[in-house]
Amino acid sequence: MVLDLLAPFAAQLQKPTLAFLFGGMALAALGSRLEIPEPVYRFIVVLLMLKIGLGAGISLREANPAEIALPALIAVVLGIAIVLLGRVTLARAPGIAPADGMATAGLFGAVSASTLAAAMVMLEADDMTYEAWVPALYPFMDIPALLTAIVLAQMARGGTVRIGAILADSARGAAVSALGLGLVLGIVARPDAVHAEFYEPLFRGLLTILMLVMGMEAWSRLAELRHSAHAHAAYALTAPLVHGALGFGLGYGAHLATGFSAGGVVLLAVMAASSSDISGPPTLRAAIPQANPAAYLGASTSLGTPMALLTIPLWMALAQVVM
């Protein structure tokens, strides 16, 4: 079983998605002046999330609501459970300010758009099928996680909790907005042709640029992480494995109960293992201003995201072994 797990993992490291991530880290380590402008990065994220939303919306037109209900409920439970787990571990660790711990747990409970996109490409490259509506579970995990972290942080300070404002701010985030728009258009319009002819061909190429940017940013933020407590580093290295295993286990339960696909289980595990890189940081910066961005962004971007990406082959191999 160990060999069955290691062989696909090693093979995935050579494929473009992870290779560009490591390439970006290498460039940053060597002091390269290569830069991808921030507006270009944001534009790529919007295109990727529109593509994911359109694909999910098109599939939801014909989907059975009963098939979606259990995975959607699991996504909500995972987002909340991951934050609660962070509250009793990282937020209570010696030397960690509670606000920093809750902000970090909120990011790790939310979802990374780029990690989700990378997992989709890797699944398709290995012909591992999944229900096309699975990426639409993104906001079911993302928003409850951010909401839980913000509410707990504000309760700890004795402040007023405005759930409606938090929900509205989270929903207005770039990644969630683009995904939601694509989802609605996929359901009510007929964007099948533009999805197939424009978004689909661009998807893999744009993702490699995104991975390159994330690799460079991950390396550059390592300096920020050195200034925060070592508990953040330990949490960032272990959380993707723990959270992903939790997601895989609950997804496997859905597989046994409803026939949820192996690829769907993998994507659920990946979403649980990832940490938000688009919608989460600005939301938490505004809602938990007392938290130190160097702590939660450093933990998420420099260690959490690369670790989550590296676990994708693990969940794929595990699904092939047990399912």
C-alpha atoms as a PDB file:
ATOM      1  CA  MET A   1       0.000   0.000   0.000  1.00  0.00           C
ATOM      2  CA  VAL A   2       2.880   2.367   0.767  1.00  0.00           C
ATOM      3  CA  LEU A   3       4.381   1.799  -2.682  1.00  0.00           C
ATOM      4  CA  ASP A   4       0.962   2.287  -4.273  1.00  0.00           C
ATOM      5  CA  LEU A   5       0.753   5.659  -2.542  1.00  0.00           C
ATOM      6  CA  LEU A   6       4.320   6.810  -3.275  1.00  0.00           C
ATOM      7  CA  ALA A   7       4.421   6.033  -7.011  1.00  0.00           C
ATOM      8  CA  PRO A   8       1.539   8.356  -8.039  1.00  0.00           C
ATOM      9  CA  PHE A   9       2.797  11.005  -5.602  1.00  0.00           C
ATOM     10  CA  ALA A  10       6.255  11.044  -7.215  1.00  0.00           C
ATOM     11  CA  ALA A  11       4.736  11.134 -10.697  1.00  0.00           C
ATOM     12  CA  GLN A  12       2.580  14.157  -9.857  1.00  0.00           C
ATOM     13  CA  LEU A  13       5.623  16.161  -8.718  1.00  0.00           C
ATOM     14  CA  GLN A  14       6.890  16.100 -12.320  1.00  0.00           C
ATOM     15  CA  LYS A  15       3.686  17.457 -13.835  1.00  0.00           C
ATOM     16  CA  PRO A  16       3.310  21.149 -14.756  1.00  0.00           C
ATOM     17  CA  THR A  17       1.068  22.224 -11.867  1.00  0.00           C
ATOM     18  CA  LEU A  18       3.534  21.430  -9.077  1.00  0.00           C
ATOM     19  CA  ALA A  19       6.610  21.927 -11.276  1.00  0.00           C
ATOM     20  CA  PHE A  20       5.696  25.600 -11.850  1.00  0.00           C
ATOM     21  CA  LEU A  21       5.137  26.042  -8.116  1.00  0.00           C
ATOM     22  CA  PHE A  22       8.651  24.779  -7.360  1.00  0.00           C
ATOM     23  CA  GLY A  23       9.997  26.840 -10.267  1.00  0.00           C
ATOM     24  CA  GLY A  24       8.562  30.004  -8.741  1.00  0.00           C
ATOM     25  CA  MET A  25      10.106  29.179  -5.368  1.00  0.00           C
ATOM     26  CA  ALA A  26      13.473  28.561  -7.031  1.00  0.00           C
ATOM     27  CA  LEU A  27      13.346  31.890  -8.888  1.00  0.00           C
ATOM     28  CA  ALA A  28      12.568  33.770  -5.682  1.00  0.00           C
ATOM     29  CA  ALA A  29      15.320  31.952  -3.814  1.00  0.00           C
ATOM     30  CA  LEU A  30      17.810  32.947  -6.522  1.00  0.00           C
ATOM     31  CA  GLY A  31      16.779  36.602  -6.304  1.00  0.00           C
ATOM     32  CA  SER A  32      15.165  36.807  -9.735  1.00  0.00           C
ATOM     33  CA  ARG A  33      13.534  40.120 -10.667  1.00  0.00           C
ATOM     34  CA  LEU A  34      10.717  38.371 -12.523  1.00  0.00           C
ATOM     35  CA  GLU A  35       7.373  39.873 -11.512  1.00  0.00           C
ATOM     36  CA  ILE A  36       3.770  39.157 -12.428  1.00  0.00           C
ATOM     37  CA  PRO A  37       1.791  42.381 -11.801  1.00  0.00           C
ATOM     38  CA  GLU A  38      -0.873  42.096  -9.113  1.00  0.00           C
ATOM     39  CA  PRO A  39      -3.713  43.104 -11.511  1.00  0.00           C
ATOM     40  CA  VAL A  40      -2.680  40.283 -13.863  1.00  0.00           C
ATOM     41  CA  TYR A  41      -2.691  37.816 -10.976  1.00  0.00           C
ATOM     42  CA  ARG A  42      -6.175  38.956  -9.904  1.00  0.00           C
ATOM     43  CA  PHE A  43      -7.432  38.747 -13.487  1.00  0.00           C
ATOM     44  CA  ILE A  44      -6.186  35.181 -13.810  1.00  0.00           C
ATOM     45  CA  VAL A  45      -7.946  34.221 -10.571  1.00  0.00           C
ATOM     46  CA  VAL A  46     -11.214  35.731 -11.811  1.00  0.00           C
ATOM     47  CA  LEU A  47     -10.967  33.840 -15.124  1.00  0.00           C
ATOM     48  CA  LEU A  48     -10.244  30.555 -13.346  1.00  0.00           C
ATOM     49  CA  MET A  49     -13.142  30.985 -10.924  1.00  0.00           C
ATOM     50  CA  LEU A  50     -15.516  31.976 -13.727  1.00  0.00           C
ATOM     51  CA  LYS A  51     -14.528  28.819 -15.569  1.00  0.00           C
ATOM     52  CA  ILE A  52     -15.054  26.668 -12.485  1.00  0.00           C
ATOM     53  CA  GLY A  53     -18.401  28.339 -11.758  1.00  0.00           C
ATOM     54  CA  LEU A  54     -19.648  28.011 -15.333  1.00  0.00           C
ATOM     55  CA  GLY A  55     -18.741  24.326 -15.447  1.00  0.00           C
ATOM     56  CA  ALA A  56     -20.435  23.660 -12.118  1.00  0.00           C
ATOM     57  CA  GLY A  57     -23.540  25.642 -13.115  1.00  0.00           C
ATOM     58  CA  ILE A  58     -23.887  23.810 -16.424  1.00  0.00           C
ATOM     59  CA  SER A  59     -23.760  20.474 -14.599  1.00  0.00           C
ATOM     60  CA  LEU A  60     -26.190  21.621 -11.890  1.00  0.00           C
ATOM     61  CA  ARG A  61     -28.899  22.100 -14.522  1.00  0.00           C
ATOM     62  CA  GLU A  62     -29.274  18.358 -14.773  1.00  0.00           C
ATOM     63  CA  ALA A  63     -28.070  17.359 -11.298  1.00  0.00           C
ATOM     64  CA  ASN A  64     -30.244  15.658  -8.719  1.00  0.00           C
ATOM     65  CA  PRO A  65     -30.528  17.949  -5.643  1.00  0.00           C
ATOM     66  CA  ALA A  66     -30.523  14.882  -3.400  1.00  0.00           C
ATOM     67  CA  GLU A  67     -26.996  14.006  -4.607  1.00  0.00           C
ATOM     68  CA  ILE A  68     -25.682  17.456  -3.701  1.00  0.00           C
ATOM     69  CA  ALA A  69     -27.267  17.820  -0.260  1.00  0.00           C
ATOM     70  CA  LEU A  70     -24.929  15.563   1.738  1.00  0.00           C
ATOM     71  CA  PRO A  71     -21.618  16.838   0.220  1.00  0.00           C
ATOM     72  CA  ALA A  72     -22.816  20.436   0.716  1.00  0.00           C
ATOM     73  CA  LEU A  73     -23.620  19.719   4.367  1.00  0.00           C
ATOM     74  CA  ILE A  74     -20.226  18.062   4.807  1.00  0.00           C
ATOM     75  CA  ALA A  75     -18.513  21.147   3.323  1.00  0.00           C
ATOM     76  CA  VAL A  76     -20.268  23.413   5.849  1.00  0.00           C
ATOM     77  CA  VAL A  77     -19.367  21.104   8.743  1.00  0.00           C
ATOM     78  CA  LEU A  78     -15.740  20.940   7.609  1.00  0.00           C
ATOM     79  CA  GLY A  79     -15.358  24.724   7.388  1.00  0.00           C
ATOM     80  CA  ILE A  80     -16.703  25.219  10.906  1.00  0.00           C
ATOM     81  CA  ALA A  81     -14.913  22.200  12.414  1.00  0.00           C
ATOM     82  CA  ILE A  82     -11.497  23.269  11.081  1.00  0.00           C
ATOM     83  CA  VAL A  83     -11.844  26.702  12.709  1.00  0.00           C
ATOM     84  CA  LEU A  84     -13.009  25.182  15.997  1.00  0.00           C
ATOM     85  CA  LEU A  85     -10.045  22.811  15.879  1.00  0.00           C
ATOM     86  CA  GLY A  86      -7.723  25.777  15.397  1.00  0.00           C
ATOM     87  CA  ARG A  87      -9.336  27.509  18.352  1.00  0.00           C
ATOM     88  CA  VAL A  88      -8.438  24.703  20.759  1.00  0.00           C
ATOM     89  CA  THR A  89      -4.947  24.148  19.320  1.00  0.00           C
ATOM     90  CA  LEU A  90      -3.188  27.111  17.703  1.00  0.00           C
ATOM     91  CA  ALA A  91      -5.199  29.890  19.390  1.00  0.00           C
ATOM     92  CA  ARG A  92      -4.327  28.452  22.828  1.00  0.00           C
ATOM     93  CA  ALA A  93      -0.677  27.695  22.113  1.00  0.00           C
ATOM     94  CA  PRO A  94       1.889  29.489  24.312  1.00  0.00           C
ATOM     95  CA  GLY A  95       3.001  32.801  22.856  1.00  0.00           C
ATOM     96  CA  ILE A  96       0.147  32.994  20.334  1.00  0.00           C
ATOM     97  CA  ALA A  97      -2.251  35.939  20.554  1.00  0.00           C
ATOM     98  CA  PRO A  98      -5.832  34.624  20.372  1.00  0.00           C
ATOM     99  CA  ALA A  99      -6.671  37.001  17.510  1.00  0.00           C
ATOM    100  CA  ASP A 100      -3.684  35.735  15.486  1.00  0.00           C
ATOM    101  CA  GLY A 101      -4.693  32.143  16.144  1.00  0.00           C
ATOM    102  CA  MET A 102      -8.303  32.686  15.111  1.00  0.00           C
ATOM    103  CA  ALA A 103      -7.334  34.581  11.951  1.00  0.00           C
ATOM    104  CA  THR A 104      -4.963  31.782  10.959  1.00  0.00           C
ATOM    105  CA  ALA A 105      -7.601  29.125  11.689  1.00  0.00           C
ATOM    106  CA  GLY A 106     -10.088  31.122   9.602  1.00  0.00           C
ATOM    107  CA  LEU A 107      -7.762  31.131   6.590  1.00  0.00           C
ATOM    108  CA  PHE A 108      -7.124  27.394   6.909  1.00  0.00           C
ATOM    109  CA  GLY A 109     -10.839  26.686   7.254  1.00  0.00           C
ATOM    110  CA  ALA A 110     -11.600  28.684   4.109  1.00  0.00           C
ATOM    111  CA  VAL A 111     -10.741  27.483   0.601  1.00  0.00           C
ATOM    112  CA  SER A 112      -7.903  28.301  -1.796  1.00  0.00           C
ATOM    113  CA  ALA A 113      -9.199  28.958  -5.310  1.00  0.00           C
ATOM    114  CA  SER A 114      -5.811  28.193  -6.857  1.00  0.00           C
ATOM    115  CA  THR A 115      -5.366  24.911  -4.961  1.00  0.00           C
ATOM    116  CA  LEU A 116      -8.850  23.801  -6.013  1.00  0.00           C
ATOM    117  CA  ALA A 117      -8.075  24.660  -9.646  1.00  0.00           C
ATOM    118  CA  ALA A 118      -4.771  22.766  -9.448  1.00  0.00           C
ATOM    119  CA  ALA A 119      -6.529  19.678  -8.076  1.00  0.00           C
ATOM    120  CA  MET A 120      -9.072  19.751 -10.903  1.00  0.00           C
ATOM    121  CA  VAL A 121      -6.322  19.828 -13.520  1.00  0.00           C
ATOM    122  CA  MET A 122      -4.433  16.971 -11.839  1.00  0.00           C
ATOM    123  CA  LEU A 123      -7.570  14.839 -11.599  1.00  0.00           C
ATOM    124  CA  GLU A 124      -8.402  15.406 -15.251  1.00  0.00           C
ATOM    125  CA  ALA A 125      -4.833  14.584 -16.283  1.00  0.00           C
ATOM    126  CA  ASP A 126      -5.146  11.213 -14.502  1.00  0.00           C
ATOM    127  CA  ASP A 127      -8.668  10.562 -15.864  1.00  0.00           C
ATOM    128  CA  MET A 128     -10.101  10.502 -12.344  1.00  0.00           C
ATOM    129  CA  THR A 129     -13.686  11.620 -12.790  1.00  0.00           C
ATOM    130  CA  TYR A 130     -15.694  13.776 -10.410  1.00  0.00           C
ATOM    131  CA  GLU A 131     -19.138  15.347 -10.436  1.00  0.00           C
ATOM    132  CA  ALA A 132     -18.851  18.661 -12.278  1.00  0.00           C
ATOM    133  CA  TRP A 133     -20.833  20.419  -9.535  1.00  0.00           C
ATOM    134  CA  VAL A 134     -18.286  19.578  -6.800  1.00  0.00           C
ATOM    135  CA  PRO A 135     -16.336  22.881  -7.202  1.00  0.00           C
ATOM    136  CA  ALA A 136     -19.592  24.667  -6.350  1.00  0.00           C
ATOM    137  CA  LEU A 137     -19.070  23.402  -2.780  1.00  0.00           C
ATOM    138  CA  TYR A 138     -16.361  26.097  -2.441  1.00  0.00           C
ATOM    139  CA  PRO A 139     -18.572  28.765  -0.757  1.00  0.00           C
ATOM    140  CA  PHE A 140     -20.281  26.138   1.443  1.00  0.00           C
ATOM    141  CA  MET A 141     -16.928  25.640   3.184  1.00  0.00           C
ATOM    142  CA  ASP A 142     -15.336  29.058   2.679  1.00  0.00           C
ATOM    143  CA  ILE A 143     -18.004  31.408   4.075  1.00  0.00           C
ATOM    144  CA  PRO A 144     -18.902  29.372   7.221  1.00  0.00           C
ATOM    145  CA  ALA A 145     -15.202  29.100   8.105  1.00  0.00           C
ATOM    146  CA  LEU A 146     -14.549  32.842   7.798  1.00  0.00           C
ATOM    147  CA  LEU A 147     -17.780  33.639   9.611  1.00  0.00           C
ATOM    148  CA  THR A 148     -16.935  31.283  12.491  1.00  0.00           C
ATOM    149  CA  ALA A 149     -13.419  32.700  12.910  1.00  0.00           C
ATOM    150  CA  ILE A 150     -14.629  36.302  12.894  1.00  0.00           C
ATOM    151  CA  VAL A 151     -17.505  35.647  15.304  1.00  0.00           C
ATOM    152  CA  LEU A 152     -15.233  33.817  17.772  1.00  0.00           C
ATOM    153  CA  ALA A 153     -12.580  36.557  17.582  1.00  0.00           C
ATOM    154  CA  GLN A 154     -15.139  39.297  18.169  1.00  0.00           C
ATOM    155  CA  MET A 155     -16.789  37.381  21.025  1.00  0.00           C
ATOM    156  CA  ALA A 156     -13.379  36.996  22.698  1.00  0.00           C
ATOM    157  CA  ARG A 157     -12.954  40.770  22.593  1.00  0.00           C
ATOM    158  CA  GLY A 158     -16.483  41.376  23.826  1.00  0.00           C
ATOM    159  CA  GLY A 159     -17.379  43.237  20.645  1.00  0.00           C
ATOM    160  CA  THR A 160     -20.662  43.299  18.729  1.00  0.00           C
ATOM    161  CA  VAL A 161     -21.068  40.441  16.275  1.00  0.00           C
ATOM    162  CA  ARG A 162     -22.707  41.531  12.997  1.00  0.00           C
ATOM    163  CA  ILE A 163     -23.269  38.293  11.127  1.00  0.00           C
ATOM    164  CA  GLY A 164     -25.107  39.937   8.228  1.00  0.00           C
ATOM    165  CA  ALA A 165     -22.226  42.309   7.529  1.00  0.00           C
ATOM    166  CA  ILE A 166     -19.707  39.481   7.710  1.00  0.00           C
ATOM    167  CA  LEU A 167     -21.706  37.352   5.267  1.00  0.00           C
ATOM    168  CA  ALA A 168     -22.089  40.258   2.848  1.00  0.00           C
ATOM    169  CA  ASP A 169     -18.363  41.078   2.973  1.00  0.00           C
ATOM    170  CA  SER A 170     -17.397  37.439   2.397  1.00  0.00           C
ATOM    171  CA  ALA A 171     -19.816  37.084  -0.517  1.00  0.00           C
ATOM    172  CA  ARG A 172     -18.370  40.219  -2.162  1.00  0.00           C
ATOM    173  CA  GLY A 173     -14.871  38.730  -2.258  1.00  0.00           C
ATOM    174  CA  ALA A 174     -13.369  38.448  -5.749  1.00  0.00           C
ATOM    175  CA  ALA A 175     -13.124  34.649  -5.844  1.00  0.00           C
ATOM    176  CA  VAL A 176     -16.578  33.974  -4.375  1.00  0.00           C
ATOM    177  CA  SER A 177     -18.187  36.651  -6.586  1.00  0.00           C
ATOM    178  CA  ALA A 178     -16.655  35.235  -9.768  1.00  0.00           C
ATOM    179  CA  LEU A 179     -17.554  31.676  -8.801  1.00  0.00           C
ATOM    180  CA  GLY A 180     -21.108  32.699  -7.897  1.00  0.00           C
ATOM    181  CA  LEU A 181     -21.605  34.622 -11.138  1.00  0.00           C
ATOM    182  CA  GLY A 182     -20.323  31.711 -13.200  1.00  0.00           C
ATOM    183  CA  LEU A 183     -22.562  29.341 -11.258  1.00  0.00           C
ATOM    184  CA  VAL A 184     -25.700  31.419 -11.860  1.00  0.00           C
ATOM    185  CA  LEU A 185     -24.919  31.971 -15.549  1.00  0.00           C
ATOM    186  CA  GLY A 186     -24.221  28.276 -16.012  1.00  0.00           C
ATOM    187  CA  ILE A 187     -27.662  27.441 -14.597  1.00  0.00           C
ATOM    188  CA  VAL A 188     -29.902  30.126 -16.119  1.00  0.00           C
ATOM    189  CA  ALA A 189     -28.065  30.904 -19.388  1.00  0.00           C
ATOM    190  CA  ARG A 190     -26.560  28.672 -22.073  1.00  0.00           C
ATOM    191  CA  PRO A 191     -22.810  29.425 -21.874  1.00  0.00           C
ATOM    192  CA  ASP A 192     -21.762  25.929 -22.994  1.00  0.00           C
ATOM    193  CA  ALA A 193     -20.056  27.134 -26.183  1.00  0.00           C
ATOM    194  CA  VAL A 194     -18.037  29.978 -24.619  1.00  0.00           C
ATOM    195  CA  HIS A 195     -17.091  27.666 -21.754  1.00  0.00           C
ATOM    196  CA  ALA A 196     -15.790  25.013 -24.160  1.00  0.00           C
ATOM    197  CA  GLU A 197     -14.147  27.343 -26.690  1.00  0.00           C
ATOM    198  CA  PHE A 198     -12.679  30.084 -24.467  1.00  0.00           C
ATOM    199  CA  TYR A 199     -12.427  29.147 -20.783  1.00  0.00           C
ATOM    200  CA  GLU A 200     -11.539  25.478 -21.137  1.00  0.00           C
ATOM    201  CA  PRO A 201      -8.496  25.937 -23.449  1.00  0.00           C
ATOM    202  CA  LEU A 202      -7.098  28.732 -21.239  1.00  0.00           C
ATOM    203  CA  PHE A 203      -7.554  26.929 -17.944  1.00  0.00           C
ATOM    204  CA  ARG A 204      -4.365  24.850 -17.744  1.00  0.00           C
ATOM    205  CA  GLY A 205      -2.062  27.539 -19.123  1.00  0.00           C
ATOM    206  CA  LEU A 206      -3.358  30.236 -16.795  1.00  0.00           C
ATOM    207  CA  LEU A 207      -3.052  27.866 -13.851  1.00  0.00           C
ATOM    208  CA  THR A 208       0.682  27.404 -14.484  1.00  0.00           C
ATOM    209  CA  ILE A 209       1.167  31.191 -14.294  1.00  0.00           C
ATOM    210  CA  LEU A 210      -0.791  31.228 -11.051  1.00  0.00           C
ATOM    211  CA  MET A 211       1.383  28.454  -9.627  1.00  0.00           C
ATOM    212  CA  LEU A 212       4.520  30.383 -10.620  1.00  0.00           C
ATOM    213  CA  VAL A 213       3.264  33.472  -8.765  1.00  0.00           C
ATOM    214  CA  MET A 214       2.314  31.436  -5.708  1.00  0.00           C
ATOM    215  CA  GLY A 215       5.724  29.810  -5.606  1.00  0.00           C
ATOM    216  CA  MET A 216       7.503  33.182  -5.657  1.00  0.00           C
ATOM    217  CA  GLU A 217       5.144  34.627  -3.044  1.00  0.00           C
ATOM    218  CA  ALA A 218       5.480  31.595  -0.788  1.00  0.00           C
ATOM    219  CA  TRP A 219       9.256  31.961  -0.701  1.00  0.00           C
ATOM    220  CA  SER A 220       9.133  35.716  -0.116  1.00  0.00           C
ATOM    221  CA  ARG A 221       6.741  35.346   2.850  1.00  0.00           C
ATOM    222  CA  LEU A 222       9.018  32.919   4.660  1.00  0.00           C
ATOM    223  CA  ALA A 223      10.791  35.965   6.121  1.00  0.00           C
ATOM    224  CA  GLU A 224       7.499  37.159   7.638  1.00  0.00           C
ATOM    225  CA  LEU A 225       6.901  33.765   9.213  1.00  0.00           C
ATOM    226  CA  ARG A 226      10.293  33.834  10.955  1.00  0.00           C
ATOM    227  CA  HIS A 227       9.114  36.791  13.022  1.00  0.00           C
ATOM    228  CA  SER A 228       6.040  34.977  14.352  1.00  0.00           C
ATOM    229  CA  ALA A 229       5.881  32.110  16.822  1.00  0.00           C
ATOM    230  CA  HIS A 230       7.123  28.678  15.801  1.00  0.00           C
ATOM    231  CA  ALA A 231       3.645  27.356  16.617  1.00  0.00           C
ATOM    232  CA  HIS A 232       2.389  29.001  13.420  1.00  0.00           C
ATOM    233  CA  ALA A 233       4.971  27.110  11.371  1.00  0.00           C
ATOM    234  CA  ALA A 234       4.112  23.795  13.030  1.00  0.00           C
ATOM    235  CA  TYR A 235       0.405  24.429  12.479  1.00  0.00           C
ATOM    236  CA  ALA A 236       0.905  25.389   8.804  1.00  0.00           C
ATOM    237  CA  LEU A 237       2.877  22.205   8.111  1.00  0.00           C
ATOM    238  CA  THR A 238       0.501  19.799   9.850  1.00  0.00           C
ATOM    239  CA  ALA A 239      -2.914  21.406   9.274  1.00  0.00           C
ATOM    240  CA  PRO A 240      -3.197  20.513   5.548  1.00  0.00           C
ATOM    241  CA  LEU A 241      -2.623  16.842   6.388  1.00  0.00           C
ATOM    242  CA  VAL A 242      -5.019  16.798   9.348  1.00  0.00           C
ATOM    243  CA  HIS A 243      -7.737  18.844   7.656  1.00  0.00           C
ATOM    244  CA  GLY A 244      -7.388  16.983   4.370  1.00  0.00           C
ATOM    245  CA  ALA A 245      -7.652  13.628   6.141  1.00  0.00           C
ATOM    246  CA  LEU A 246     -10.801  14.858   7.877  1.00  0.00           C
ATOM    247  CA  GLY A 247     -12.248  15.938   4.536  1.00  0.00           C
ATOM    248  CA  PHE A 248     -11.277  12.660   2.888  1.00  0.00           C
ATOM    249  CA  GLY A 249     -12.873  10.652   5.694  1.00  0.00           C
ATOM    250  CA  LEU A 250     -16.176  12.540   5.550  1.00  0.00           C
ATOM    251  CA  GLY A 251     -16.117  12.431   1.754  1.00  0.00           C
ATOM    252  CA  TYR A 252     -15.571   8.689   1.859  1.00  0.00           C
ATOM    253  CA  GLY A 253     -18.618   8.445   4.127  1.00  0.00           C
ATOM    254  CA  ALA A 254     -20.609  10.291   1.453  1.00  0.00           C
ATOM    255  CA  HIS A 255     -19.235   7.849  -1.117  1.00  0.00           C
ATOM    256  CA  LEU A 256     -20.539   4.901   0.891  1.00  0.00           C
ATOM    257  CA  ALA A 257     -23.893   6.597   1.515  1.00  0.00           C
ATOM    258  CA  THR A 258     -24.659   8.132  -1.879  1.00  0.00           C
ATOM    259  CA  GLY A 259     -22.030   6.901  -4.355  1.00  0.00           C
ATOM    260  CA  PHE A 260     -20.080  10.174  -4.263  1.00  0.00           C
ATOM    261  CA  SER A 261     -17.235   9.769  -6.774  1.00  0.00           C
ATOM    262  CA  ALA A 262     -13.586   9.147  -5.938  1.00  0.00           C
ATOM    263  CA  GLY A 263     -12.657  12.426  -7.643  1.00  0.00           C
ATOM    264  CA  GLY A 264     -15.295  14.233  -5.593  1.00  0.00           C
ATOM    265  CA  VAL A 265     -13.823  12.811  -2.393  1.00  0.00           C
ATOM    266  CA  VAL A 266     -10.370  14.035  -3.473  1.00  0.00           C
ATOM    267  CA  LEU A 267     -11.637  17.554  -4.227  1.00  0.00           C
ATOM    268  CA  LEU A 268     -13.406  17.701  -0.864  1.00  0.00           C
ATOM    269  CA  ALA A 269     -10.153  16.681   0.849  1.00  0.00           C
ATOM    270  CA  VAL A 270      -8.216  19.288  -1.145  1.00  0.00           C
ATOM    271  CA  MET A 271     -10.645  22.069  -0.226  1.00  0.00           C
ATOM    272  CA  ALA A 272     -10.345  21.088   3.443  1.00  0.00           C
ATOM    273  CA  ALA A 273      -6.533  20.935   3.227  1.00  0.00           C
ATOM    274  CA  SER A 274      -6.194  24.312   1.486  1.00  0.00           C
ATOM    275  CA  SER A 275      -6.070  27.774   3.024  1.00  0.00           C
ATOM    276  CA  SER A 276      -7.689  30.834   1.500  1.00  0.00           C
ATOM    277  CA  ASP A 277      -5.444  32.994  -0.685  1.00  0.00           C
ATOM    278  CA  ILE A 278      -7.981  35.358  -2.297  1.00  0.00           C
ATOM    279  CA  SER A 279     -11.198  35.956  -0.373  1.00  0.00           C
ATOM    280  CA  GLY A 280      -9.949  35.266   3.145  1.00  0.00           C
ATOM    281  CA  PRO A 281      -7.072  37.736   3.748  1.00  0.00           C
ATOM    282  CA  PRO A 282      -8.931  41.007   2.992  1.00  0.00           C
ATOM    283  CA  THR A 283     -12.025  39.795   4.860  1.00  0.00           C
ATOM    284  CA  LEU A 284     -10.031  38.918   7.974  1.00  0.00           C
ATOM    285  CA  ARG A 285      -7.899  42.060   7.784  1.00  0.00           C
ATOM    286  CA  ALA A 286     -11.062  44.168   7.944  1.00  0.00           C
ATOM    287  CA  ALA A 287     -12.973  42.050  10.482  1.00  0.00           C
ATOM    288  CA  ILE A 288     -10.097  41.156  12.873  1.00  0.00           C
ATOM    289  CA  PRO A 289      -7.864  44.258  12.665  1.00  0.00           C
ATOM    290  CA  GLN A 290      -6.023  43.350  15.869  1.00  0.00           C
ATOM    291  CA  ALA A 291      -4.593  40.195  14.255  1.00  0.00           C
ATOM    292  CA  ASN A 292      -1.047  40.350  12.856  1.00  0.00           C
ATOM    293  CA  PRO A 293      -1.119  39.799   9.050  1.00  0.00           C
ATOM    294  CA  ALA A 294       2.503  38.593   9.112  1.00  0.00           C
ATOM    295  CA  ALA A 295       1.399  35.681  11.298  1.00  0.00           C
ATOM    296  CA  TYR A 296      -1.678  34.441   9.463  1.00  0.00           C
ATOM    297  CA  LEU A 297      -0.579  35.348   5.925  1.00  0.00           C
ATOM    298  CA  GLY A 298       2.913  33.983   6.490  1.00  0.00           C
ATOM    299  CA  ALA A 299       1.571  30.687   7.819  1.00  0.00           C
ATOM    300  CA  SER A 300      -0.957  30.339   5.014  1.00  0.00           C
ATOM    301  CA  THR A 301       1.001  31.500   1.977  1.00  0.00           C
ATOM    302  CA  SER A 302       4.561  30.416   2.735  1.00  0.00           C
ATOM    303  CA  LEU A 303       3.871  26.957   4.172  1.00  0.00           C
ATOM    304  CA  GLY A 304       0.162  26.131   4.145  1.00  0.00           C
ATOM    305  CA  THR A 305      -0.449  26.533   0.413  1.00  0.00           C
ATOM    306  CA  PRO A 306       2.621  24.573  -0.787  1.00  0.00           C
ATOM    307  CA  MET A 307       1.810  21.820   1.724  1.00  0.00           C
ATOM    308  CA  ALA A 308      -1.809  21.671   0.548  1.00  0.00           C
ATOM    309  CA  LEU A 309      -0.663  21.407  -3.069  1.00  0.00           C
ATOM    310  CA  LEU A 310       1.763  18.633  -2.178  1.00  0.00           C
ATOM    311  CA  THR A 311      -1.019  16.654  -0.502  1.00  0.00           C
ATOM    312  CA  ILE A 312      -3.108  16.495  -3.697  1.00  0.00           C
ATOM    313  CA  PRO A 313      -1.206  13.446  -5.052  1.00  0.00           C
ATOM    314  CA  LEU A 314      -1.592  11.834  -1.612  1.00  0.00           C
ATOM    315  CA  TRP A 315      -5.408  12.106  -1.669  1.00  0.00           C
ATOM    316  CA  MET A 316      -5.471  10.905  -5.279  1.00  0.00           C
ATOM    317  CA  ALA A 317      -3.344   7.877  -4.469  1.00  0.00           C
ATOM    318  CA  LEU A 318      -5.350   7.143  -1.325  1.00  0.00           C
ATOM    319  CA  ALA A 319      -8.598   7.272  -3.301  1.00  0.00           C
ATOM    320  CA  GLN A 320      -7.196   4.840  -5.856  1.00  0.00           C
ATOM    321  CA  VAL A 321      -6.170   2.442  -3.093  1.00  0.00           C
ATOM    322  CA  VAL A 322      -9.308   2.460  -0.946  1.00  0.00           C
ATOM    323  CA  MET A 323     -11.988   3.154  -3.545  1.00  0.00           C
END
